[in-house]
N, C-alpha and C. Protein backbone atom coordinates (compact mmCIF):
# COMPACT_ATOMS: atom_id res chain seq x y z
N MET A 1 62.33 139.06 148.69
CA MET A 1 62.78 137.69 148.35
C MET A 1 63.59 137.04 149.52
N SER A 2 63.79 136.24 150.22
CA SER A 2 64.95 135.73 151.06
C SER A 2 65.40 134.95 150.44
N GLY A 3 65.42 134.07 149.30
CA GLY A 3 65.88 132.89 148.55
C GLY A 3 67.40 133.42 147.73
N THR A 4 67.51 132.67 147.24
CA THR A 4 68.83 132.57 146.34
C THR A 4 68.44 132.10 145.51
N PHE A 5 68.85 132.95 144.10
CA PHE A 5 68.90 132.35 142.69
C PHE A 5 70.23 132.13 142.26
N VAL A 6 69.96 130.55 142.14
CA VAL A 6 71.61 130.41 140.90
C VAL A 6 71.42 129.82 140.06
N ALA A 7 72.24 130.60 139.20
CA ALA A 7 72.10 130.50 137.82
C ALA A 7 73.10 129.90 137.18
N VAL A 8 72.90 128.85 136.42
CA VAL A 8 74.16 127.92 135.63
C VAL A 8 74.20 128.76 134.18
N VAL A 9 75.44 128.97 133.80
CA VAL A 9 75.69 129.32 132.23
C VAL A 9 76.94 128.50 132.33
N GLY A 10 76.88 128.85 130.78
CA GLY A 10 78.34 128.19 130.19
C GLY A 10 77.94 127.66 128.69
N PRO A 11 78.72 127.59 127.61
CA PRO A 11 78.35 127.32 126.44
C PRO A 11 77.95 125.83 126.59
N SER A 12 77.29 125.53 125.16
CA SER A 12 76.58 124.14 125.10
C SER A 12 78.21 122.66 125.45
N GLY A 13 77.84 121.63 125.86
CA GLY A 13 78.63 120.87 126.06
C GLY A 13 79.82 120.86 127.23
N VAL A 14 79.60 121.90 128.21
CA VAL A 14 80.10 122.12 129.19
C VAL A 14 79.33 120.78 130.31
N GLY A 15 78.23 120.50 129.82
CA GLY A 15 77.58 120.00 130.93
C GLY A 15 77.13 120.61 132.31
N LYS A 16 76.04 121.46 131.82
CA LYS A 16 75.52 122.05 132.86
C LYS A 16 74.01 121.40 133.50
N ASP A 17 73.33 120.67 132.28
CA ASP A 17 72.50 119.61 132.74
C ASP A 17 73.17 118.26 133.78
N SER A 18 73.96 118.16 133.26
CA SER A 18 74.50 116.74 134.04
C SER A 18 75.02 117.30 135.34
N LEU A 19 75.34 118.64 135.54
CA LEU A 19 75.84 119.13 136.90
C LEU A 19 74.28 118.86 137.56
N ILE A 20 73.35 119.46 136.94
CA ILE A 20 71.97 119.91 137.59
C ILE A 20 71.61 119.11 138.18
N GLY A 21 71.32 117.82 137.01
CA GLY A 21 70.84 116.15 137.39
C GLY A 21 71.82 115.72 138.07
N PHE A 22 72.82 115.91 138.52
CA PHE A 22 73.69 115.13 139.58
C PHE A 22 73.58 115.76 140.79
N ALA A 23 72.94 117.08 141.19
CA ALA A 23 72.83 117.87 142.19
C ALA A 23 71.43 117.30 142.67
N LYS A 24 70.50 117.60 141.87
CA LYS A 24 68.99 117.29 142.03
C LYS A 24 68.98 115.85 142.60
N GLN A 25 69.61 115.04 141.68
CA GLN A 25 69.61 113.36 142.41
C GLN A 25 70.20 113.26 143.83
N HIS A 26 70.68 113.79 144.28
CA HIS A 26 71.61 114.14 145.50
C HIS A 26 71.02 114.78 146.62
N LEU A 27 70.31 115.93 145.99
CA LEU A 27 69.41 116.75 147.02
C LEU A 27 68.12 116.18 147.16
N GLU A 28 67.44 115.17 146.14
CA GLU A 28 66.22 114.91 146.19
C GLU A 28 65.58 114.90 147.78
N GLY A 29 64.56 115.29 148.15
CA GLY A 29 64.35 115.25 149.22
C GLY A 29 64.02 116.39 149.87
N THR A 30 64.82 117.04 149.86
CA THR A 30 64.76 118.73 150.22
C THR A 30 64.28 119.50 149.74
N ASP A 31 63.54 120.38 150.75
CA ASP A 31 62.88 121.16 149.96
C ASP A 31 63.58 122.65 150.31
N ARG A 32 64.55 122.63 150.67
CA ARG A 32 65.42 123.67 150.48
C ARG A 32 66.25 124.44 148.92
N VAL A 33 66.02 123.36 148.10
CA VAL A 33 66.83 123.49 146.78
C VAL A 33 65.89 123.15 145.86
N VAL A 34 65.32 124.08 144.56
CA VAL A 34 64.32 123.93 143.74
C VAL A 34 64.74 123.97 142.55
N PHE A 35 64.71 123.15 141.85
CA PHE A 35 65.36 123.43 140.33
C PHE A 35 63.96 123.61 139.14
N VAL A 36 64.16 124.49 138.57
CA VAL A 36 63.32 125.09 137.49
C VAL A 36 63.69 124.44 136.45
N ARG A 37 62.50 124.32 135.55
CA ARG A 37 62.04 123.31 134.57
C ARG A 37 61.91 124.71 133.59
N ARG A 38 62.70 124.82 132.58
CA ARG A 38 62.49 125.75 131.47
C ARG A 38 61.38 125.66 130.49
N VAL A 39 61.04 126.50 130.33
CA VAL A 39 60.05 126.37 128.69
C VAL A 39 60.72 126.43 127.41
N VAL A 40 60.77 125.70 126.37
CA VAL A 40 61.62 125.81 125.34
C VAL A 40 60.68 125.36 124.13
N THR A 41 60.74 126.14 123.13
CA THR A 41 60.37 125.84 121.89
C THR A 41 60.69 125.01 120.89
N ARG A 42 60.57 123.97 121.74
CA ARG A 42 61.78 122.83 120.84
C ARG A 42 60.65 121.19 121.88
N GLU A 43 60.46 120.40 121.38
CA GLU A 43 59.50 118.79 121.99
C GLU A 43 60.57 118.24 122.34
N ALA A 44 60.45 118.16 123.64
CA ALA A 44 61.26 116.94 124.20
C ALA A 44 61.35 115.72 123.49
N ASP A 45 62.47 115.00 123.38
CA ASP A 45 63.08 114.28 122.56
C ASP A 45 63.89 112.97 123.36
N GLY A 46 64.00 113.49 124.91
CA GLY A 46 64.72 112.08 125.67
C GLY A 46 66.17 112.69 125.64
N GLY A 47 66.72 112.73 124.56
CA GLY A 47 68.08 113.32 124.74
C GLY A 47 68.48 115.22 124.74
N SER A 48 67.57 115.04 125.49
CA SER A 48 67.83 116.95 125.69
C SER A 48 67.23 116.95 127.00
N GLU A 49 67.88 118.36 127.88
CA GLU A 49 67.66 118.26 129.15
C GLU A 49 65.39 118.01 129.50
N ASP A 50 65.50 118.33 130.42
CA ASP A 50 64.07 117.58 130.74
C ASP A 50 63.14 119.28 130.54
N HIS A 51 62.39 119.55 129.85
CA HIS A 51 61.94 121.12 130.14
C HIS A 51 60.45 120.48 129.27
N ASP A 52 59.95 122.05 129.79
CA ASP A 52 58.33 121.81 129.11
C ASP A 52 58.76 122.49 127.62
N SER A 53 57.32 122.00 126.74
CA SER A 53 57.74 122.22 125.62
C SER A 53 56.01 123.79 125.06
N MET A 54 56.69 124.33 124.30
CA MET A 54 55.56 125.18 123.26
C MET A 54 55.84 125.59 122.47
N ASP A 55 54.95 125.63 121.57
CA ASP A 55 55.21 126.49 119.95
C ASP A 55 55.34 127.94 120.28
N VAL A 56 55.88 128.46 119.21
CA VAL A 56 56.19 129.73 119.55
C VAL A 56 55.15 130.41 119.50
N ALA A 57 54.06 130.53 119.04
CA ALA A 57 52.60 131.30 119.78
C ALA A 57 52.63 131.06 120.86
N GLU A 58 52.24 129.89 121.41
CA GLU A 58 52.01 129.79 123.12
C GLU A 58 52.97 130.42 123.61
N PHE A 59 54.43 130.21 123.09
CA PHE A 59 55.38 130.94 124.17
C PHE A 59 55.00 132.29 124.20
N GLU A 60 55.15 132.92 122.88
CA GLU A 60 54.45 134.45 122.45
C GLU A 60 53.36 135.14 123.72
N LYS A 61 52.46 134.30 123.54
CA LYS A 61 51.14 134.74 124.20
C LYS A 61 51.92 134.58 125.98
N ALA A 62 52.60 133.60 126.33
CA ALA A 62 53.09 133.56 128.09
C ALA A 62 53.77 134.83 128.13
N GLU A 63 54.53 135.40 127.16
CA GLU A 63 55.79 135.62 127.33
C GLU A 63 54.75 137.53 127.12
N ARG A 64 53.53 137.32 126.70
CA ARG A 64 52.75 138.76 126.66
C ARG A 64 52.25 139.20 128.41
N SER A 65 51.83 137.80 128.44
CA SER A 65 51.00 137.59 129.72
C SER A 65 52.05 137.53 131.21
N GLY A 66 53.26 138.00 131.32
CA GLY A 66 53.96 137.58 131.95
C GLY A 66 53.90 136.68 132.65
N ALA A 67 54.04 135.30 132.18
CA ALA A 67 54.28 134.29 132.51
C ALA A 67 55.99 133.72 132.96
N PHE A 68 56.55 134.55 132.95
CA PHE A 68 57.84 133.87 132.58
C PHE A 68 58.61 135.35 133.46
N ALA A 69 59.60 134.57 134.10
CA ALA A 69 60.47 135.81 135.18
C ALA A 69 61.36 136.16 134.61
N LEU A 70 62.17 135.23 133.29
CA LEU A 70 62.99 135.52 132.62
C LEU A 70 62.93 134.88 131.38
N ASN A 71 63.15 135.08 130.16
CA ASN A 71 62.81 134.54 128.98
C ASN A 71 64.47 135.51 127.59
N TRP A 72 64.61 134.60 126.83
CA TRP A 72 65.36 134.83 125.95
C TRP A 72 65.43 133.90 124.88
N ASP A 73 65.90 134.30 123.83
CA ASP A 73 65.92 133.56 122.27
C ASP A 73 67.97 132.69 122.45
N ALA A 74 67.78 131.74 121.85
CA ALA A 74 69.40 131.35 121.95
C ALA A 74 69.30 130.28 120.59
N HIS A 75 70.07 130.24 119.60
CA HIS A 75 70.17 129.14 118.45
C HIS A 75 68.64 128.78 118.08
N GLY A 76 68.21 129.32 117.72
CA GLY A 76 66.81 129.25 116.85
C GLY A 76 65.63 129.27 117.97
N LEU A 77 65.84 129.11 119.30
CA LEU A 77 64.76 128.70 120.22
C LEU A 77 64.40 129.92 120.76
N ARG A 78 63.40 129.84 121.41
CA ARG A 78 62.94 130.55 122.51
C ARG A 78 63.04 129.40 124.10
N TYR A 79 62.97 130.26 125.26
CA TYR A 79 63.54 129.55 126.48
C TYR A 79 63.13 130.83 127.47
N GLY A 80 62.12 130.45 128.10
CA GLY A 80 61.60 131.00 129.23
C GLY A 80 62.16 130.36 130.78
N LEU A 81 61.56 131.16 131.93
CA LEU A 81 61.30 130.44 133.47
C LEU A 81 60.25 130.92 133.66
N PRO A 82 59.63 129.62 134.48
CA PRO A 82 58.45 130.57 134.82
C PRO A 82 58.00 131.36 136.03
N VAL A 83 57.29 132.53 135.82
CA VAL A 83 57.19 133.76 137.22
C VAL A 83 57.33 132.95 138.91
N SER A 84 56.77 131.32 138.66
CA SER A 84 56.10 130.71 139.63
C SER A 84 57.52 130.59 140.27
N LEU A 85 58.77 130.40 140.13
CA LEU A 85 59.86 130.70 140.75
C LEU A 85 59.77 131.42 141.97
N GLU A 86 59.39 132.71 141.59
CA GLU A 86 59.76 133.28 142.48
C GLU A 86 58.67 133.20 143.78
N ASN A 87 57.49 132.54 144.01
CA ASN A 87 57.55 131.52 145.30
C ASN A 87 58.18 131.62 146.15
N ASP A 88 59.49 130.40 145.11
CA ASP A 88 60.44 129.63 146.01
C ASP A 88 61.13 130.50 146.43
N LEU A 89 61.47 132.17 145.85
CA LEU A 89 62.46 132.82 146.41
C LEU A 89 61.63 133.28 147.42
N VAL A 90 60.50 133.76 147.18
CA VAL A 90 59.65 134.27 148.55
C VAL A 90 59.68 133.24 149.94
N GLU A 91 59.57 131.91 149.49
CA GLU A 91 59.92 131.10 150.93
C GLU A 91 61.21 130.69 151.33
N GLY A 92 62.00 131.46 151.17
CA GLY A 92 63.38 131.11 151.39
C GLY A 92 64.35 129.96 150.80
N ARG A 93 64.09 129.45 149.24
CA ARG A 93 64.68 128.40 148.59
C ARG A 93 65.65 129.19 147.91
N VAL A 94 66.51 128.08 147.66
CA VAL A 94 67.62 128.63 146.05
C VAL A 94 66.86 127.69 145.53
N VAL A 95 66.89 128.48 144.55
CA VAL A 95 66.29 128.01 142.93
C VAL A 95 67.73 128.25 142.06
N VAL A 96 67.70 126.83 141.08
CA VAL A 96 68.33 126.77 140.67
C VAL A 96 67.97 126.72 138.76
N ALA A 97 68.76 127.60 137.78
CA ALA A 97 68.48 127.20 136.44
C ALA A 97 69.62 127.64 135.90
N ASN A 98 69.42 126.64 134.52
CA ASN A 98 70.49 126.53 133.62
C ASN A 98 69.69 128.41 132.57
N LEU A 99 70.46 129.23 132.26
CA LEU A 99 70.60 129.92 131.61
C LEU A 99 71.77 130.30 130.57
N SER A 100 70.95 131.28 129.77
CA SER A 100 71.99 131.60 128.39
C SER A 100 72.84 132.99 129.46
N ARG A 101 74.34 133.09 129.03
CA ARG A 101 74.89 134.17 129.66
C ARG A 101 74.32 135.43 128.96
N GLY A 102 74.01 135.31 128.19
CA GLY A 102 73.53 136.87 127.63
C GLY A 102 72.16 137.42 127.98
N VAL A 103 71.62 136.74 128.99
CA VAL A 103 70.27 137.14 130.18
C VAL A 103 71.18 137.68 131.50
N ILE A 104 72.04 137.30 131.74
CA ILE A 104 72.90 137.41 132.83
C ILE A 104 72.15 138.94 132.98
N PRO A 105 72.69 140.04 132.48
CA PRO A 105 72.43 141.65 132.91
C PRO A 105 70.60 141.65 133.50
N ALA A 106 69.73 141.26 133.00
CA ALA A 106 67.90 140.96 133.01
C ALA A 106 68.03 140.49 134.54
N LEU A 107 68.67 138.93 134.59
CA LEU A 107 69.10 138.37 135.84
C LEU A 107 69.07 139.20 136.73
N LEU A 108 70.18 140.43 137.23
CA LEU A 108 70.74 140.25 137.80
C LEU A 108 70.41 141.98 138.35
N GLU A 109 69.37 142.05 137.39
CA GLU A 109 68.30 143.52 137.32
C GLU A 109 67.52 142.80 138.06
N ARG A 110 66.76 142.14 138.08
CA ARG A 110 65.92 141.16 138.56
C ARG A 110 66.17 140.67 139.98
N TYR A 111 67.26 140.25 139.91
CA TYR A 111 67.61 138.88 141.28
C TYR A 111 69.15 139.62 141.72
N PRO A 112 69.10 141.29 142.12
CA PRO A 112 70.58 141.53 142.35
C PRO A 112 71.20 140.69 143.29
N THR A 113 70.85 139.56 143.64
CA THR A 113 71.90 138.88 144.84
C THR A 113 72.19 137.44 144.50
N ALA A 114 71.55 136.85 142.98
CA ALA A 114 71.54 136.06 142.56
C ALA A 114 73.48 135.78 142.16
N VAL A 115 73.51 134.11 142.54
CA VAL A 115 74.85 133.78 142.34
C VAL A 115 74.91 133.06 141.18
N VAL A 116 75.96 133.57 140.07
CA VAL A 116 76.25 133.11 138.95
C VAL A 116 77.18 131.99 138.95
N VAL A 117 76.98 130.66 138.08
CA VAL A 117 78.09 129.72 138.58
C VAL A 117 78.45 129.50 137.04
N ALA A 118 79.17 129.67 136.63
CA ALA A 118 79.70 129.49 135.13
C ALA A 118 80.93 128.14 135.11
N VAL A 119 79.93 126.82 134.10
CA VAL A 119 80.80 125.70 133.95
C VAL A 119 81.38 125.75 132.71
N THR A 120 82.92 125.49 132.98
CA THR A 120 83.48 125.41 131.89
C THR A 120 84.63 123.73 131.61
N ALA A 121 84.62 123.52 130.23
CA ALA A 121 85.43 122.50 130.31
C ALA A 121 86.39 122.24 129.22
N GLU A 122 87.41 121.57 129.19
CA GLU A 122 88.59 121.73 127.93
C GLU A 122 87.31 121.29 126.44
N ARG A 123 88.16 122.35 125.37
CA ARG A 123 87.92 122.29 123.90
C ARG A 123 87.41 120.94 123.76
N GLU A 124 88.39 119.94 123.87
CA GLU A 124 88.34 118.25 123.33
C GLU A 124 86.78 117.60 124.21
N VAL A 125 86.75 118.04 125.18
CA VAL A 125 85.58 117.32 126.16
C VAL A 125 84.34 117.93 125.42
N ILE A 126 84.65 119.46 125.31
CA ILE A 126 83.11 119.81 124.53
C ILE A 126 82.72 119.36 123.38
N ALA A 127 83.99 119.25 122.01
CA ALA A 127 83.99 118.64 120.84
C ALA A 127 83.10 117.49 120.84
N GLU A 128 83.92 116.59 122.01
CA GLU A 128 83.25 114.99 122.17
C GLU A 128 81.62 114.84 122.27
N ARG A 129 81.42 115.79 123.64
CA ARG A 129 80.25 115.76 124.12
C ARG A 129 79.09 115.90 123.01
N LEU A 130 79.37 117.44 122.42
CA LEU A 130 78.57 117.81 120.90
C LEU A 130 78.87 116.84 120.26
N ALA A 131 79.20 116.23 119.70
CA ALA A 131 79.10 114.80 118.58
C ALA A 131 78.43 113.88 119.51
N ASN A 132 78.54 113.74 120.57
CA ASN A 132 77.82 112.16 120.93
C ASN A 132 76.10 112.66 121.19
N ARG A 133 76.24 114.13 121.22
CA ARG A 133 74.32 114.37 121.19
C ARG A 133 73.82 114.06 119.91
N GLY A 134 74.67 114.15 118.81
CA GLY A 134 73.90 113.90 117.71
C GLY A 134 73.16 114.68 117.38
N ARG A 135 73.31 116.20 117.52
CA ARG A 135 72.59 116.96 117.02
C ARG A 135 72.85 117.95 115.92
N GLU A 136 73.90 117.70 116.13
CA GLU A 136 74.60 118.71 114.92
C GLU A 136 75.97 118.32 114.33
N THR A 137 76.55 118.20 113.23
CA THR A 137 76.93 118.45 112.36
C THR A 137 78.71 118.43 112.36
N PRO A 138 79.81 117.90 112.07
CA PRO A 138 81.16 118.17 112.60
C PRO A 138 81.30 119.66 112.54
N GLU A 139 80.79 120.00 111.47
CA GLU A 139 81.00 121.76 110.67
C GLU A 139 79.95 122.28 111.64
N THR A 140 78.87 121.96 112.55
CA THR A 140 78.20 123.01 113.11
C THR A 140 79.16 123.18 114.40
N ILE A 141 79.60 121.86 115.06
CA ILE A 141 80.14 121.59 116.01
C ILE A 141 81.38 122.24 115.75
N ALA A 142 82.51 122.24 114.69
CA ALA A 142 83.74 123.32 115.14
C ALA A 142 83.12 124.75 114.75
N ARG A 143 82.23 125.35 114.11
CA ARG A 143 81.43 126.84 114.60
C ARG A 143 81.21 127.10 115.93
N ARG A 144 81.13 126.18 116.63
CA ARG A 144 79.96 126.58 117.95
C ARG A 144 81.61 126.88 119.16
N LEU A 145 83.01 125.96 118.33
CA LEU A 145 83.99 125.80 119.53
C LEU A 145 85.00 126.92 119.13
N GLN A 146 84.70 127.13 117.67
CA GLN A 146 85.50 128.53 116.91
C GLN A 146 85.06 130.12 117.48
N ARG A 147 83.75 129.92 117.82
CA ARG A 147 82.81 131.24 118.83
C ARG A 147 83.31 131.89 119.65
N SER A 148 83.36 132.93 119.93
CA SER A 148 83.88 133.48 120.61
C SER A 148 83.08 133.97 121.15
N VAL A 149 82.76 134.23 122.58
CA VAL A 149 81.20 134.78 123.50
C VAL A 149 81.88 135.71 124.56
N VAL A 150 81.80 136.84 124.81
CA VAL A 150 82.47 137.77 125.15
C VAL A 150 81.36 137.96 126.84
N ASP A 151 81.94 137.05 127.76
CA ASP A 151 80.94 136.98 128.96
C ASP A 151 80.83 138.42 129.70
N ARG A 152 79.48 138.37 129.83
CA ARG A 152 79.67 139.84 130.81
C ARG A 152 79.29 139.33 132.08
N LEU A 153 79.69 138.72 132.62
CA LEU A 153 79.56 138.09 134.04
C LEU A 153 80.40 139.29 135.04
N PRO A 154 79.71 138.37 136.14
CA PRO A 154 79.90 139.40 137.38
C PRO A 154 80.93 138.68 138.21
N ALA A 155 81.83 139.40 138.74
CA ALA A 155 83.38 139.05 139.44
C ALA A 155 82.73 138.59 140.28
N SER A 156 82.26 137.98 141.13
CA SER A 156 81.45 136.88 142.26
C SER A 156 81.60 135.80 140.98
N THR A 157 81.56 135.74 139.93
CA THR A 157 80.94 134.54 139.52
C THR A 157 81.62 132.79 139.93
N VAL A 158 81.18 132.10 140.52
CA VAL A 158 82.05 131.11 140.76
C VAL A 158 81.68 129.99 139.48
N THR A 159 83.17 129.78 138.97
CA THR A 159 83.35 128.47 137.84
C THR A 159 83.91 127.24 138.72
N VAL A 160 82.93 126.54 138.14
CA VAL A 160 83.36 125.45 137.95
C VAL A 160 83.79 124.11 136.80
N ASP A 161 84.85 123.62 136.61
CA ASP A 161 85.32 122.74 135.65
C ASP A 161 84.92 121.63 135.87
N ASN A 162 84.22 121.09 134.79
CA ASN A 162 83.54 119.88 134.70
C ASN A 162 84.32 119.29 133.50
N SER A 163 85.51 119.12 132.91
CA SER A 163 86.37 118.23 132.04
C SER A 163 86.11 116.77 132.85
N GLY A 164 86.12 116.29 133.75
CA GLY A 164 86.81 115.28 134.06
C GLY A 164 85.36 114.61 134.76
N ASP A 165 85.80 113.64 135.72
CA ASP A 165 84.28 113.12 136.00
C ASP A 165 83.40 113.66 136.81
N LEU A 166 82.15 113.75 136.31
CA LEU A 166 80.87 114.11 136.90
C LEU A 166 80.59 114.77 138.17
N ALA A 167 81.23 113.34 138.94
CA ALA A 167 81.06 113.23 140.70
C ALA A 167 82.06 114.42 141.17
N VAL A 168 83.16 114.75 140.40
CA VAL A 168 83.85 115.88 140.97
C VAL A 168 83.59 117.00 140.87
N ALA A 169 83.49 117.40 139.68
CA ALA A 169 82.22 118.58 139.16
C ALA A 169 81.12 118.59 140.07
N GLY A 170 80.20 117.74 140.05
CA GLY A 170 79.01 117.81 140.40
C GLY A 170 78.92 117.86 142.16
N THR A 171 79.87 117.13 142.87
CA THR A 171 80.50 117.13 144.09
C THR A 171 80.28 118.47 144.61
N GLN A 172 81.21 119.69 144.06
CA GLN A 172 81.49 121.20 143.98
C GLN A 172 80.28 121.75 143.96
N PHE A 173 79.64 121.51 143.01
CA PHE A 173 77.95 122.45 142.90
C PHE A 173 77.22 122.04 143.66
N MET A 174 76.98 120.93 144.24
CA MET A 174 75.92 120.40 144.82
C MET A 174 76.22 121.19 146.68
N ARG A 175 77.64 120.77 146.94
CA ARG A 175 78.38 121.96 147.86
C ARG A 175 77.60 123.38 148.09
N LEU A 176 78.26 124.11 146.81
CA LEU A 176 77.95 125.40 146.54
C LEU A 176 76.66 125.14 146.83
N LEU A 177 75.31 124.97 146.62
CA LEU A 177 74.10 124.79 146.70
C LEU A 177 73.63 124.59 147.91
N GLU A 178 74.53 123.47 148.81
CA GLU A 178 74.16 123.38 150.43
C GLU A 178 74.46 124.60 150.85
N ASP A 179 75.98 124.75 150.53
CA ASP A 179 75.96 126.02 151.39
C ASP A 179 74.96 127.44 151.35
N ALA A 180 74.77 128.02 150.32
CA ALA A 180 74.05 129.02 150.06
C ALA A 180 72.26 128.29 150.57
N ALA A 181 72.04 127.43 150.81
CA ALA A 181 70.78 127.28 151.65
C ALA A 181 71.14 127.28 153.12
N ARG A 182 72.26 127.00 153.12
CA ARG A 182 72.37 127.15 155.13
C ARG A 182 72.45 128.68 154.91
N LEU A 183 73.16 129.54 154.04
CA LEU A 183 73.43 130.89 154.36
C LEU A 183 72.06 131.60 154.24
N VAL A 184 70.97 130.71 153.48
CA VAL A 184 69.13 131.15 153.59
C VAL A 184 68.67 131.44 154.64
N GLU A 185 69.15 129.70 155.22
CA GLU A 185 68.69 129.62 156.36
C GLU A 185 68.75 130.61 157.38
N ARG A 186 69.89 131.43 158.01
CA ARG A 186 70.52 132.21 158.63
C ARG A 186 70.08 133.41 158.35
N ALA A 187 69.63 133.70 157.55
CA ALA A 187 69.19 135.37 157.17
C ALA A 187 68.08 135.03 157.39
């Protein structure tokens, strides 16, 4: 595979989907960068990421049939990335997806040259974003903020701080994707 997989990771509320959306909007029209739609066992509601929905039984059937390049469980939901993303990698494209930090070892086993982008934000910013989503109680948000997750991220991980204006972090992320696309073209 001559393309590059770019995995976007970070805790809920750091703005991963916003960064991906910013880059997608600004890179629209290029065929060098592809944004993967995740499959989630949650109905699309307009307030969450744009994703394809499956119920648990459909998801398990798809998983058994090899429909996912990667899949994982988080927060009572199942997530999967369609195996069709490998067609884009074979074609030499940069493939971008929002992943759980816990699936990074499987990602790197399957795609050893993947680039991991860890999105961060200040605690107060995360708390405000989670509250504004309206999907969690103040107690749930407090537990999320207290939770300590040991990241097993590669030393080459790129960090993007999304605490401030989305245009700043979004431009940084978009430039990273453009650089990755240029490197793929040269290879």
